[in-house]
Amino acid sequence: MYAIIRTGGKQYQVAAGDRVRVEKLEGAVGDTVELDDVLMTVDGEAVKVGQPVVSGAKVTAKITEQGKGKKVIIFKKKRRKGYSLKKGHRQLYTALEIQEISA
């Protein structure tokens, strides 16, 4: 069984036991999170597609890590004008371990 969930403006395909990195969610390491934005569930031949979400379906996950991703460098330059700009950004993320999918 697997499900398509939406969190942080992105969609992820998850199954029980999977580990995924999503946009930062509130909570401490070891906390349990319920994700209610389930767009689709597949259990063998039974497929439920939501419009836009499947009613009553939820995914339970455990927070395994809160951290920052690799640094992304932003560099801007205008030729012959003496203008250059260099910035860095590290995106916050939450690592989740999917425990169960209930449809």
PDB file of N, CA and C in Angstrom:
ATOM      1  N   MET A   1       0.847  -1.186   0.000  1.00  0.00           N
ATOM      2  CA  MET A   1       0.000   0.000   0.000  1.00  0.00           C
ATOM      3  C   MET A   1       0.884   1.237   0.000  1.00  0.00           C
ATOM      4  N   TYR A   2       0.495   2.207  -0.806  1.00  0.00           N
ATOM      5  CA  TYR A   2       1.202   3.481  -0.794  1.00  0.00           C
ATOM      6  C   TYR A   2       0.195   4.614  -0.958  1.00  0.00           C
ATOM      7  N   ALA A   3       0.670   5.837  -0.692  1.00  0.00           N
ATOM      8  CA  ALA A   3      -0.190   7.016  -0.777  1.00  0.00           C
ATOM      9  C   ALA A   3       0.601   8.168  -1.376  1.00  0.00           C
ATOM     10  N   ILE A   4      -0.132   9.103  -1.966  1.00  0.00           N
ATOM     11  CA  ILE A   4       0.452  10.359  -2.443  1.00  0.00           C
ATOM     12  C   ILE A   4      -0.010  11.432  -1.467  1.00  0.00           C
ATOM     13  N   ILE A   5       0.952  12.105  -0.817  1.00  0.00           N
ATOM     14  CA  ILE A   5       0.608  13.150   0.157  1.00  0.00           C
ATOM     15  C   ILE A   5       1.115  14.495  -0.344  1.00  0.00           C
ATOM     16  N   ARG A   6       0.538  15.564   0.218  1.00  0.00           N
ATOM     17  CA  ARG A   6       0.959  16.921  -0.118  1.00  0.00           C
ATOM     18  C   ARG A   6       1.347  17.618   1.175  1.00  0.00           C
ATOM     19  N   THR A   7       2.563  18.144   1.209  1.00  0.00           N
ATOM     20  CA  THR A   7       3.026  18.924   2.353  1.00  0.00           C
ATOM     21  C   THR A   7       4.097  19.894   1.880  1.00  0.00           C
ATOM     22  N   GLY A   8       4.048  21.101   2.369  1.00  0.00           N
ATOM     23  CA  GLY A   8       5.036  22.103   1.994  1.00  0.00           C
ATOM     24  C   GLY A   8       4.965  22.502   0.537  1.00  0.00           C
ATOM     25  N   GLY A   9       3.786  22.354  -0.094  1.00  0.00           N
ATOM     26  CA  GLY A   9       3.640  22.732  -1.486  1.00  0.00           C
ATOM     27  C   GLY A   9       4.189  21.707  -2.467  1.00  0.00           C
ATOM     28  N   LYS A  10       4.594  20.540  -1.970  1.00  0.00           N
ATOM     29  CA  LYS A  10       5.130  19.486  -2.835  1.00  0.00           C
ATOM     30  C   LYS A  10       4.354  18.193  -2.592  1.00  0.00           C
ATOM     31  N   GLN A  11       4.461  17.260  -3.520  1.00  0.00           N
ATOM     32  CA  GLN A  11       3.782  15.977  -3.404  1.00  0.00           C
ATOM     33  C   GLN A  11       4.820  14.865  -3.289  1.00  0.00           C
ATOM     34  N   TYR A  12       4.521  13.874  -2.435  1.00  0.00           N
ATOM     35  CA  TYR A  12       5.427  12.767  -2.186  1.00  0.00           C
ATOM     36  C   TYR A  12       4.665  11.455  -2.253  1.00  0.00           C
ATOM     37  N   GLN A  13       5.297  10.429  -2.820  1.00  0.00           N
ATOM     38  CA  GLN A  13       4.739   9.081  -2.796  1.00  0.00           C
ATOM     39  C   GLN A  13       5.384   8.358  -1.625  1.00  0.00           C
ATOM     40  N   VAL A  14       4.569   7.879  -0.673  1.00  0.00           N
ATOM     41  CA  VAL A  14       5.102   7.253   0.527  1.00  0.00           C
ATOM     42  C   VAL A  14       4.435   5.907   0.770  1.00  0.00           C
ATOM     43  N   ALA A  15       5.168   5.025   1.422  1.00  0.00           N
ATOM     44  CA  ALA A  15       4.662   3.731   1.869  1.00  0.00           C
ATOM     45  C   ALA A  15       5.146   3.539   3.302  1.00  0.00           C
ATOM     46  N   ALA A  16       4.563   2.600   4.008  1.00  0.00           N
ATOM     47  CA  ALA A  16       4.957   2.349   5.395  1.00  0.00           C
ATOM     48  C   ALA A  16       6.432   1.947   5.430  1.00  0.00           C
ATOM     49  N   GLY A  17       7.180   2.560   6.337  1.00  0.00           N
ATOM     50  CA  GLY A  17       8.608   2.273   6.471  1.00  0.00           C
ATOM     51  C   GLY A  17       9.512   3.203   5.689  1.00  0.00           C
ATOM     52  N   ASP A  18       8.959   4.020   4.804  1.00  0.00           N
ATOM     53  CA  ASP A  18       9.768   4.956   4.013  1.00  0.00           C
ATOM     54  C   ASP A  18      10.287   6.097   4.879  1.00  0.00           C
ATOM     55  N   ARG A  19      11.408   6.672   4.443  1.00  0.00           N
ATOM     56  CA  ARG A  19      11.946   7.884   5.065  1.00  0.00           C
ATOM     57  C   ARG A  19      11.962   8.969   3.999  1.00  0.00           C
ATOM     58  N   VAL A  20      11.362  10.116   4.322  1.00  0.00           N
ATOM     59  CA  VAL A  20      11.308  11.228   3.369  1.00  0.00           C
ATOM     60  C   VAL A  20      11.723  12.515   4.064  1.00  0.00           C
ATOM     61  N   ARG A  21      12.299  13.434   3.269  1.00  0.00           N
ATOM     62  CA  ARG A  21      12.626  14.774   3.762  1.00  0.00           C
ATOM     63  C   ARG A  21      11.601  15.734   3.196  1.00  0.00           C
ATOM     64  N   VAL A  22      10.911  16.458   4.072  1.00  0.00           N
ATOM     65  CA  VAL A  22       9.891  17.409   3.652  1.00  0.00           C
ATOM     66  C   VAL A  22      10.259  18.791   4.173  1.00  0.00           C
ATOM     67  N   GLU A  23       9.521  19.802   3.723  1.00  0.00           N
ATOM     68  CA  GLU A  23       9.719  21.149   4.246  1.00  0.00           C
ATOM     69  C   GLU A  23       9.493  21.145   5.754  1.00  0.00           C
ATOM     70  N   LYS A  24      10.105  22.072   6.459  1.00  0.00           N
ATOM     71  CA  LYS A  24      10.077  22.091   7.918  1.00  0.00           C
ATOM     72  C   LYS A  24       8.667  22.012   8.482  1.00  0.00           C
ATOM     73  N   LEU A  25       8.472  21.078   9.426  1.00  0.00           N
ATOM     74  CA  LEU A  25       7.223  20.934  10.176  1.00  0.00           C
ATOM     75  C   LEU A  25       7.516  21.195  11.642  1.00  0.00           C
ATOM     76  N   GLU A  26       6.518  21.706  12.355  1.00  0.00           N
ATOM     77  CA  GLU A  26       6.682  21.954  13.784  1.00  0.00           C
ATOM     78  C   GLU A  26       6.714  20.625  14.534  1.00  0.00           C
ATOM     79  N   GLY A  27       7.553  20.554  15.566  1.00  0.00           N
ATOM     80  CA  GLY A  27       7.634  19.357  16.383  1.00  0.00           C
ATOM     81  C   GLY A  27       9.076  19.019  16.681  1.00  0.00           C
ATOM     82  N   ALA A  28       9.259  18.214  17.730  1.00  0.00           N
ATOM     83  CA  ALA A  28      10.594  17.805  18.132  1.00  0.00           C
ATOM     84  C   ALA A  28      10.878  16.400  17.610  1.00  0.00           C
ATOM     85  N   VAL A  29      12.151  16.020  17.648  1.00  0.00           N
ATOM     86  CA  VAL A  29      12.544  14.681  17.210  1.00  0.00           C
ATOM     87  C   VAL A  29      11.867  13.651  18.118  1.00  0.00           C
ATOM     88  N   GLY A  30      11.242  12.659  17.510  1.00  0.00           N
ATOM     89  CA  GLY A  30      10.525  11.631  18.266  1.00  0.00           C
ATOM     90  C   GLY A  30       9.026  11.849  18.309  1.00  0.00           C
ATOM     91  N   ASP A  31       8.562  13.051  17.954  1.00  0.00           N
ATOM     92  CA  ASP A  31       7.126  13.335  17.939  1.00  0.00           C
ATOM     93  C   ASP A  31       6.453  12.617  16.769  1.00  0.00           C
ATOM     94  N   THR A  32       5.136  12.399  16.909  1.00  0.00           N
ATOM     95  CA  THR A  32       4.344  11.797  15.848  1.00  0.00           C
ATOM     96  C   THR A  32       3.544  12.883  15.152  1.00  0.00           C
ATOM     97  N   VAL A  33       3.509  12.825  13.818  1.00  0.00           N
ATOM     98  CA  VAL A  33       2.817  13.816  13.007  1.00  0.00           C
ATOM     99  C   VAL A  33       1.777  13.097  12.163  1.00  0.00           C
ATOM    100  N   GLU A  34       0.582  13.696  12.057  1.00  0.00           N
ATOM    101  CA  GLU A  34      -0.449  13.156  11.175  1.00  0.00           C
ATOM    102  C   GLU A  34      -0.591  14.078   9.971  1.00  0.00           C
ATOM    103  N   LEU A  35      -0.453  13.517   8.787  1.00  0.00           N
ATOM    104  CA  LEU A  35      -0.582  14.274   7.553  1.00  0.00           C
ATOM    105  C   LEU A  35      -1.945  13.961   6.945  1.00  0.00           C
ATOM    106  N   ASP A  36      -2.803  14.993   6.849  1.00  0.00           N
ATOM    107  CA  ASP A  36      -4.179  14.799   6.396  1.00  0.00           C
ATOM    108  C   ASP A  36      -4.375  15.077   4.918  1.00  0.00           C
ATOM    109  N   ASP A  37      -3.415  15.732   4.264  1.00  0.00           N
ATOM    110  CA  ASP A  37      -3.537  16.030   2.832  1.00  0.00           C
ATOM    111  C   ASP A  37      -3.126  14.818   2.005  1.00  0.00           C
ATOM    112  N   VAL A  38      -3.992  13.797   1.983  1.00  0.00           N
ATOM    113  CA  VAL A  38      -3.730  12.587   1.218  1.00  0.00           C
ATOM    114  C   VAL A  38      -4.479  12.710  -0.105  1.00  0.00           C
ATOM    115  N   LEU A  39      -3.750  12.762  -1.215  1.00  0.00           N
ATOM    116  CA  LEU A  39      -4.353  12.982  -2.521  1.00  0.00           C
ATOM    117  C   LEU A  39      -4.816  11.681  -3.178  1.00  0.00           C
ATOM    118  N   MET A  40      -4.115  10.569  -2.854  1.00  0.00           N
ATOM    119  CA  MET A  40      -4.474   9.291  -3.455  1.00  0.00           C
ATOM    120  C   MET A  40      -3.939   8.158  -2.594  1.00  0.00           C
ATOM    121  N   THR A  41      -4.692   7.058  -2.504  1.00  0.00           N
ATOM    122  CA  THR A  41      -4.209   5.860  -1.836  1.00  0.00           C
ATOM    123  C   THR A  41      -4.362   4.680  -2.784  1.00  0.00           C
ATOM    124  N   VAL A  42      -3.385   3.780  -2.748  1.00  0.00           N
ATOM    125  CA  VAL A  42      -3.410   2.583  -3.581  1.00  0.00           C
ATOM    126  C   VAL A  42      -3.143   1.387  -2.682  1.00  0.00           C
ATOM    127  N   ASP A  43      -4.087   0.423  -2.669  1.00  0.00           N
ATOM    128  CA  ASP A  43      -3.949  -0.797  -1.887  1.00  0.00           C
ATOM    129  C   ASP A  43      -4.229  -1.973  -2.815  1.00  0.00           C
ATOM    130  N   GLY A  44      -3.180  -2.477  -3.452  1.00  0.00           N
ATOM    131  CA  GLY A  44      -3.355  -3.552  -4.429  1.00  0.00           C
ATOM    132  C   GLY A  44      -4.112  -3.036  -5.644  1.00  0.00           C
ATOM    133  N   GLU A  45      -5.327  -3.568  -5.856  1.00  0.00           N
ATOM    134  CA  GLU A  45      -6.167  -3.142  -6.977  1.00  0.00           C
ATOM    135  C   GLU A  45      -7.075  -1.971  -6.597  1.00  0.00           C
ATOM    136  N   ALA A  46      -7.255  -1.728  -5.289  1.00  0.00           N
ATOM    137  CA  ALA A  46      -8.152  -0.658  -4.830  1.00  0.00           C
ATOM    138  C   ALA A  46      -7.421   0.685  -4.875  1.00  0.00           C
ATOM    139  N   VAL A  47      -7.903   1.580  -5.731  1.00  0.00           N
ATOM    140  CA  VAL A  47      -7.309   2.903  -5.875  1.00  0.00           C
ATOM    141  C   VAL A  47      -8.354   3.948  -5.508  1.00  0.00           C
ATOM    142  N   LYS A  48      -8.009   4.830  -4.563  1.00  0.00           N
ATOM    143  CA  LYS A  48      -8.900   5.933  -4.189  1.00  0.00           C
ATOM    144  C   LYS A  48      -8.215   7.239  -4.566  1.00  0.00           C
ATOM    145  N   VAL A  49      -8.881   8.012  -5.401  1.00  0.00           N
ATOM    146  CA  VAL A  49      -8.352   9.306  -5.817  1.00  0.00           C
ATOM    147  C   VAL A  49      -9.228  10.384  -5.215  1.00  0.00           C
ATOM    148  N   GLY A  50      -8.631  11.351  -4.519  1.00  0.00           N
ATOM    149  CA  GLY A  50      -9.385  12.418  -3.887  1.00  0.00           C
ATOM    150  C   GLY A  50      -9.674  13.553  -4.836  1.00  0.00           C
ATOM    151  N   GLN A  51     -10.673  14.342  -4.447  1.00  0.00           N
ATOM    152  CA  GLN A  51     -11.031  15.521  -5.244  1.00  0.00           C
ATOM    153  C   GLN A  51     -11.196  16.716  -4.324  1.00  0.00           C
ATOM    154  N   PRO A  52     -10.185  17.375  -3.805  1.00  0.00           N
ATOM    155  CA  PRO A  52      -8.764  17.131  -4.052  1.00  0.00           C
ATOM    156  C   PRO A  52      -8.129  16.139  -3.084  1.00  0.00           C
ATOM    157  N   VAL A  53      -8.746  15.889  -1.901  1.00  0.00           N
ATOM    158  CA  VAL A  53      -8.139  14.954  -0.949  1.00  0.00           C
ATOM    159  C   VAL A  53      -9.087  13.792  -0.687  1.00  0.00           C
ATOM    160  N   VAL A  54      -8.517  12.656  -0.261  1.00  0.00           N
ATOM    161  CA  VAL A  54      -9.311  11.486   0.090  1.00  0.00           C
ATOM    162  C   VAL A  54      -9.862  11.718   1.493  1.00  0.00           C
ATOM    163  N   SER A  55     -11.180  11.676   1.636  1.00  0.00           N
ATOM    164  CA  SER A  55     -11.791  11.951   2.943  1.00  0.00           C
ATOM    165  C   SER A  55     -11.527  10.781   3.891  1.00  0.00           C
ATOM    166  N   GLY A  56     -11.131  11.108   5.105  1.00  0.00           N
ATOM    167  CA  GLY A  56     -10.892  10.099   6.128  1.00  0.00           C
ATOM    168  C   GLY A  56      -9.530   9.443   6.072  1.00  0.00           C
ATOM    169  N   ALA A  57      -8.753   9.713   5.069  1.00  0.00           N
ATOM    170  CA  ALA A  57      -7.426   9.103   4.949  1.00  0.00           C
ATOM    171  C   ALA A  57      -6.388   9.978   5.650  1.00  0.00           C
ATOM    172  N   LYS A  58      -5.427   9.319   6.294  1.00  0.00           N
ATOM    173  CA  LYS A  58      -4.335  10.062   6.924  1.00  0.00           C
ATOM    174  C   LYS A  58      -3.092   9.194   6.963  1.00  0.00           C
ATOM    175  N   VAL A  59      -1.955   9.860   7.019  1.00  0.00           N
ATOM    176  CA  VAL A  59      -0.667   9.198   7.088  1.00  0.00           C
ATOM    177  C   VAL A  59      -0.026   9.588   8.412  1.00  0.00           C
ATOM    178  N   THR A  60       0.399   8.583   9.177  1.00  0.00           N
ATOM    179  CA  THR A  60       1.051   8.831  10.455  1.00  0.00           C
ATOM    180  C   THR A  60       2.556   8.653  10.279  1.00  0.00           C
ATOM    181  N   ALA A  61       3.320   9.641  10.745  1.00  0.00           N
ATOM    182  CA  ALA A  61       4.774   9.606  10.586  1.00  0.00           C
ATOM    183  C   ALA A  61       5.449  10.051  11.875  1.00  0.00           C
ATOM    184  N   LYS A  62       6.690   9.642  12.035  1.00  0.00           N
ATOM    185  CA  LYS A  62       7.488  10.007  13.200  1.00  0.00           C
ATOM    186  C   LYS A  62       8.628  10.909  12.743  1.00  0.00           C
ATOM    187  N   ILE A  63       8.866  11.996  13.462  1.00  0.00           N
ATOM    188  CA  ILE A  63       9.956  12.917  13.128  1.00  0.00           C
ATOM    189  C   ILE A  63      11.272  12.290  13.582  1.00  0.00           C
ATOM    190  N   THR A  64      12.188  12.089  12.622  1.00  0.00           N
ATOM    191  CA  THR A  64      13.482  11.499  12.960  1.00  0.00           C
ATOM    192  C   THR A  64      14.610  12.528  12.985  1.00  0.00           C
ATOM    193  N   GLU A  65      14.404  13.672  12.315  1.00  0.00           N
ATOM    194  CA  GLU A  65      15.474  14.673  12.256  1.00  0.00           C
ATOM    195  C   GLU A  65      14.901  16.028  11.865  1.00  0.00           C
ATOM    196  N   GLN A  66      15.455  17.080  12.466  1.00  0.00           N
ATOM    197  CA  GLN A  66      15.185  18.461  12.060  1.00  0.00           C
ATOM    198  C   GLN A  66      16.541  19.039  11.669  1.00  0.00           C
ATOM    199  N   GLY A  67      16.656  19.594  10.487  1.00  0.00           N
ATOM    200  CA  GLY A  67      17.971  20.087  10.089  1.00  0.00           C
ATOM    201  C   GLY A  67      17.925  21.088   8.962  1.00  0.00           C
ATOM    202  N   LYS A  68      19.128  21.386   8.434  1.00  0.00           N
ATOM    203  CA  LYS A  68      19.288  22.300   7.313  1.00  0.00           C
ATOM    204  C   LYS A  68      19.928  21.548   6.157  1.00  0.00           C
ATOM    205  N   GLY A  69      19.492  21.856   4.951  1.00  0.00           N
ATOM    206  CA  GLY A  69      20.049  21.229   3.754  1.00  0.00           C
ATOM    207  C   GLY A  69      21.385  21.842   3.380  1.00  0.00           C
ATOM    208  N   LYS A  70      21.927  21.405   2.246  1.00  0.00           N
ATOM    209  CA  LYS A  70      23.181  21.957   1.758  1.00  0.00           C
ATOM    210  C   LYS A  70      22.997  23.412   1.346  1.00  0.00           C
ATOM    211  N   LYS A  71      24.079  24.164   1.391  1.00  0.00           N
ATOM    212  CA  LYS A  71      24.019  25.574   1.033  1.00  0.00           C
ATOM    213  C   LYS A  71      23.889  25.750  -0.478  1.00  0.00           C
ATOM    214  N   VAL A  72      22.971  26.627  -0.865  1.00  0.00           N
ATOM    215  CA  VAL A  72      22.785  26.994  -2.261  1.00  0.00           C
ATOM    216  C   VAL A  72      23.324  28.408  -2.424  1.00  0.00           C
ATOM    217  N   ILE A  73      24.218  28.608  -3.380  1.00  0.00           N
ATOM    218  CA  ILE A  73      24.823  29.919  -3.609  1.00  0.00           C
ATOM    219  C   ILE A  73      24.048  30.655  -4.695  1.00  0.00           C
ATOM    220  N   ILE A  74      23.677  31.905  -4.404  1.00  0.00           N
ATOM    221  CA  ILE A  74      23.003  32.772  -5.368  1.00  0.00           C
ATOM    222  C   ILE A  74      23.995  33.857  -5.758  1.00  0.00           C
ATOM    223  N   PHE A  75      24.302  33.979  -7.053  1.00  0.00           N
ATOM    224  CA  PHE A  75      25.264  34.967  -7.521  1.00  0.00           C
ATOM    225  C   PHE A  75      24.651  35.768  -8.654  1.00  0.00           C
ATOM    226  N   LYS A  76      24.634  37.095  -8.496  1.00  0.00           N
ATOM    227  CA  LYS A  76      24.119  37.989  -9.527  1.00  0.00           C
ATOM    228  C   LYS A  76      25.243  38.919  -9.967  1.00  0.00           C
ATOM    229  N   LYS A  77      25.246  39.266 -11.248  1.00  0.00           N
ATOM    230  CA  LYS A  77      26.277  40.171 -11.762  1.00  0.00           C
ATOM    231  C   LYS A  77      25.732  40.924 -12.961  1.00  0.00           C
ATOM    232  N   LYS A  78      26.086  42.205 -13.051  1.00  0.00           N
ATOM    233  CA  LYS A  78      25.788  43.007 -14.228  1.00  0.00           C
ATOM    234  C   LYS A  78      27.129  43.448 -14.816  1.00  0.00           C
ATOM    235  N   ARG A  79      27.323  43.120 -16.054  1.00  0.00           N
ATOM    236  CA  ARG A  79      28.624  43.400 -16.651  1.00  0.00           C
ATOM    237  C   ARG A  79      28.849  44.901 -16.822  1.00  0.00           C
ATOM    238  N   ARG A  80      30.073  45.307 -16.650  1.00  0.00           N
ATOM    239  CA  ARG A  80      30.538  46.694 -16.818  1.00  0.00           C
ATOM    240  C   ARG A  80      29.912  47.673 -15.838  1.00  0.00           C
ATOM    241  N   LYS A  81      29.203  47.244 -14.838  1.00  0.00           N
ATOM    242  CA  LYS A  81      28.545  48.169 -13.907  1.00  0.00           C
ATOM    243  C   LYS A  81      29.133  48.099 -12.497  1.00  0.00           C
ATOM    244  N   GLY A  82      30.030  47.149 -12.264  1.00  0.00           N
ATOM    245  CA  GLY A  82      30.613  47.026 -10.936  1.00  0.00           C
ATOM    246  C   GLY A  82      29.650  46.436  -9.924  1.00  0.00           C
ATOM    247  N   TYR A  83      28.614  45.767 -10.396  1.00  0.00           N
ATOM    248  CA  TYR A  83      27.603  45.199  -9.510  1.00  0.00           C
ATOM    249  C   TYR A  83      27.740  43.682  -9.475  1.00  0.00           C
ATOM    250  N   SER A  84      27.946  43.159  -8.287  1.00  0.00           N
ATOM    251  CA  SER A  84      27.890  41.713  -8.104  1.00  0.00           C
ATOM    252  C   SER A  84      27.363  41.452  -6.705  1.00  0.00           C
ATOM    253  N   LEU A  85      26.604  40.381  -6.572  1.00  0.00           N
ATOM    254  CA  LEU A  85      25.954  40.054  -5.309  1.00  0.00           C
ATOM    255  C   LEU A  85      26.066  38.557  -5.098  1.00  0.00           C
ATOM    256  N   LYS A  86      26.546  38.158  -3.937  1.00  0.00           N
ATOM    257  CA  LYS A  86      26.678  36.749  -3.617  1.00  0.00           C
ATOM    258  C   LYS A  86      25.976  36.480  -2.300  1.00  0.00           C
ATOM    259  N   LYS A  87      25.011  35.552  -2.327  1.00  0.00           N
ATOM    260  CA  LYS A  87      24.260  35.177  -1.124  1.00  0.00           C
ATOM    261  C   LYS A  87      24.221  33.669  -1.016  1.00  0.00           C
ATOM    262  N   GLY A  88      24.009  33.175   0.179  1.00  0.00           N
ATOM    263  CA  GLY A  88      23.848  31.747   0.402  1.00  0.00           C
ATOM    264  C   GLY A  88      22.554  31.489   1.155  1.00  0.00           C
ATOM    265  N   HIS A  89      21.989  30.290   0.958  1.00  0.00           N
ATOM    266  CA  HIS A  89      20.742  29.923   1.630  1.00  0.00           C
ATOM    267  C   HIS A  89      20.779  28.444   1.983  1.00  0.00           C
ATOM    268  N   ARG A  90      20.344  28.114   3.202  1.00  0.00           N
ATOM    269  CA  ARG A  90      20.213  26.722   3.618  1.00  0.00           C
ATOM    270  C   ARG A  90      18.761  26.486   4.011  1.00  0.00           C
ATOM    271  N   GLN A  91      18.078  25.610   3.274  1.00  0.00           N
ATOM    272  CA  GLN A  91      16.665  25.340   3.499  1.00  0.00           C
ATOM    273  C   GLN A  91      16.478  24.409   4.691  1.00  0.00           C
ATOM    274  N   LEU A  92      15.529  24.749   5.571  1.00  0.00           N
ATOM    275  CA  LEU A  92      15.199  23.900   6.710  1.00  0.00           C
ATOM    276  C   LEU A  92      14.362  22.712   6.241  1.00  0.00           C
ATOM    277  N   TYR A  93      14.603  21.542   6.842  1.00  0.00           N
ATOM    278  CA  TYR A  93      13.830  20.365   6.482  1.00  0.00           C
ATOM    279  C   TYR A  93      13.502  19.546   7.710  1.00  0.00           C
ATOM    280  N   THR A  94      12.537  18.644   7.565  1.00  0.00           N
ATOM    281  CA  THR A  94      12.165  17.684   8.587  1.00  0.00           C
ATOM    282  C   THR A  94      12.223  16.300   7.945  1.00  0.00           C
ATOM    283  N   ALA A  95      12.947  15.381   8.564  1.00  0.00           N
ATOM    284  CA  ALA A  95      13.012  14.009   8.061  1.00  0.00           C
ATOM    285  C   ALA A  95      11.940  13.199   8.777  1.00  0.00           C
ATOM    286  N   LEU A  96      11.109  12.502   7.989  1.00  0.00           N
ATOM    287  CA  LEU A  96      10.001  11.726   8.537  1.00  0.00           C
ATOM    288  C   LEU A  96      10.184  10.251   8.221  1.00  0.00           C
ATOM    289  N   GLU A  97       9.761   9.401   9.150  1.00  0.00           N
ATOM    290  CA  GLU A  97       9.669   7.967   8.900  1.00  0.00           C
ATOM    291  C   GLU A  97       8.190   7.612   8.911  1.00  0.00           C
ATOM    292  N   ILE A  98       7.683   7.122   7.790  1.00  0.00           N
ATOM    293  CA  ILE A  98       6.266   6.807   7.669  1.00  0.00           C
ATOM    294  C   ILE A  98       5.957   5.538   8.451  1.00  0.00           C
ATOM    295  N   GLN A  99       4.968   5.624   9.359  1.00  0.00           N
ATOM    296  CA  GLN A  99       4.627   4.481  10.181  1.00  0.00           C
ATOM    297  C   GLN A  99       3.418   3.726   9.650  1.00  0.00           C
ATOM    298  N   GLU A 100       2.338   4.460   9.331  1.00  0.00           N
ATOM    299  CA  GLU A 100       1.169   3.762   8.796  1.00  0.00           C
ATOM    300  C   GLU A 100       0.339   4.671   7.919  1.00  0.00           C
ATOM    301  N   ILE A 101      -0.393   4.031   7.006  1.00  0.00           N
ATOM    302  CA  ILE A 101      -1.304   4.734   6.113  1.00  0.00           C
ATOM    303  C   ILE A 101      -2.690   4.167   6.378  1.00  0.00           C
ATOM    304  N   SER A 102      -3.614   5.028   6.788  1.00  0.00           N
ATOM    305  CA  SER A 102      -4.980   4.553   7.039  1.00  0.00           C
ATOM    306  C   SER A 102      -5.903   5.210   6.027  1.00  0.00           C
ATOM    307  N   ALA A 103      -6.644   4.387   5.326  1.00  0.00           N
ATOM    308  CA  ALA A 103      -7.550   4.884   4.304  1.00  0.00           C
ATOM    309  C   ALA A 103      -8.898   4.865   4.855  1.00  0.00           C
TER     310      ALA A 103
END
